[in-house]
Amino acid sequence: MRYILGIALIVGLVSLVGRSLVRAQDCNLSCLEDQIRQLQRDRELSMAATAPLEAELKKLEQKLDSIETQIAAAEKKTESLAESIDERELELAVQYKILAARVRQFYKRQAGGSPLLLLLASPTAEAATRGWVAWQAAVDQDKQVIKGIAGELGTLEADKKRVEADRASLAGLRVQVDKEAGFLRQEVKGAKDYQAQLSGKIAALTARQQEILGEKSGTFQTTVGDVPLADDPNARPDYNPGFSPAFAAFSFGAPHFKGMSQYGAYGRAKSGQSAEEILRAYYGSGIEIKQDYSQDINITVQGYGTFRIEDYVKRIYEMPDAWTDNDGAALKAQAVAARSYALAYTNNGAGTICATESCQVFKAGEKGGNWNAAAEATKGWVIVAGGKPLSAWYASTSGGYQESYSYNGYSTLGFWDTKRGRDGWTSEAYEKIAGSPWFYKGWYKSRSGDSCGRSHPWLTSEEMADILNAWVVLFQGGGDSARVTPQGSCWGGNPYSLSELRAIGGYTNVSGVSVTYADNGVTAEVRLETNKGSVAIKGVDFKKAFNLRAPGRIALKSGLFNIEKK
């Protein structure tokens, strides 16, 4: 009964999930999160429902094993008995002949064994007595032989019937137990297959979720050498949106924050640091900068062919040629990082490397100019950690905090990239010294330039309150988180209207905002002054709510951010 109920529950779950997945096809990020949570719950319910089935199956299989052992023993005993019956039948065939002779002899004695005849035939009374005793003994012996043989025949017949009955019973028992075990095995297998199917769907939805986060958060791989970095006046904090109060979210840095900051390297060069000092600042004191690494290694670039390592480096397009401060220290540091990255990525030329920003940007012709000079000046220079080239990551702008990363057992440190550590942020950040336009920016366009109808990143008081109401649904409950998506044609779906979200969260306006930061380079808390009083939100939660609900392409690109008010 328990496993029948479990099966019914599993069937119900399959039906429920089937219906819910239909709605997931055009699902946005928060919707996908709901779908994932639902699938995870369904999987847990299925596993809980399967557990008693598995327990029953385990017990039944143990019982089946025991029965099989007993059946084997019984069959062995039955076969032994059958063999004994065969032998006894042969013996009894002989005994039967003896029995027939004994019966004939017995009746002859009965017919011819009259006491009067024995007396008349005997010469003396003593002889007659002895004859009578002998005759009686022979008769008694015949009786015993007849009785014994008849008993053997009866026992043999009973044993034969019992053997046949036992064989039939054992066969039926095996069929019954096999049938029950087979049924349970099939149901457990079906449940396991269903759970595997759910796991696959969870993985697929999670992948889609990451795609959406990547699109809105801008977690693409890029560097300063392959994108136009002309500043956008509308994305600066001094832009006037034409209304007040106005609020905008500004990200420190983009797109990733590990390894060498290219603008930071340029700022350090402007501050008088050498290429070696720059490399040790970003990759740590545990590295070795070998200056005599083999120049005979060949690097195979996908779609371009094979190049000697130094010829390969001259074709890397990752840093502006004009960054020549302090004898081109930033360019030299970039050349060493690019060379080290290629050697680590290809395992000293054993593999291949791509030519795009997914690896590092490579072009068919040498870049020339100051870049070639930097490559020549650092010929044979490679960053080594643990005896092998280090995968020297780098990106445009970190926003002033470099995150730690690990490669091949070596880890870089997380640190504030300023002249005075945490106390020097933001005024003395090396990226600010270099003038990175991504150091502090309000993002409102996609990478392709689409702004979804918005001309700036600034929000009204009502729109900022709408972000708060979205946070309520996402983290406090009380609404359908699947509908927490941006309004407008760019994203589609069925997003809440401002009034619908306001009816759930209750926030109608925001009048003030303040932000606090953590020592590990992230925004710790956002505090907003609202019609319902002051409300504090964890930085990571605010970022998620903001990126899911902010109109158009307005987004936060970093976990280190600020909210401006004007």
Foldseek 3Di string as FASTA:
>chain_A
DLLVVLLVLLVVLVVVLVVLVVVCPQFAQLSLVVNLVSLVVSLVSLVVSLVVLVVVLVVLVVVLVVLVVVLVVVVVVLVVLVVVLVVVVVVLVVLVVVLVVLVVVLVVCVVPVDLVVLCVPDPDPVSSVVVNVVSVVSNVVSVVSNVVSVVSVVVSVVSVVVSVVSVVVSVVVNVVSCVVSVVSVVSSVVSVVVSVVSVVVSVVSVVVSVVNCCQQLVQDFAAPQPADQPFDVQFDPPDDPPDPFKKFKKAADDAAFAFAALLLQLLVLQVPDALVVRNCVRFHPQKDWDQAADQQFWAQEVPAGIDGLLQFLQQFRHDDLPSCRNNNRSLLNVSQLLSLQRCVVCVRRVRHHYQDSVRTHGDNDGPDDSNNVSSVVRPRIFIDHPRGRDNRDYHHGNLQWHPWDDDPHGIGHIWGQFPVTPVRPPVGHSSVSSPRSSRITFDQATSVGDRQPDPHRMDFFQLVLLLVLLLCCSPVNDDSNSQQAEDHDPSDDRHDDSVRSCVRRVWGGWDDKDWDPDSRQATQWIWTQTPVGIDIDGLVSSQVSCSGYPHGSGHHNDRHMTMDTD
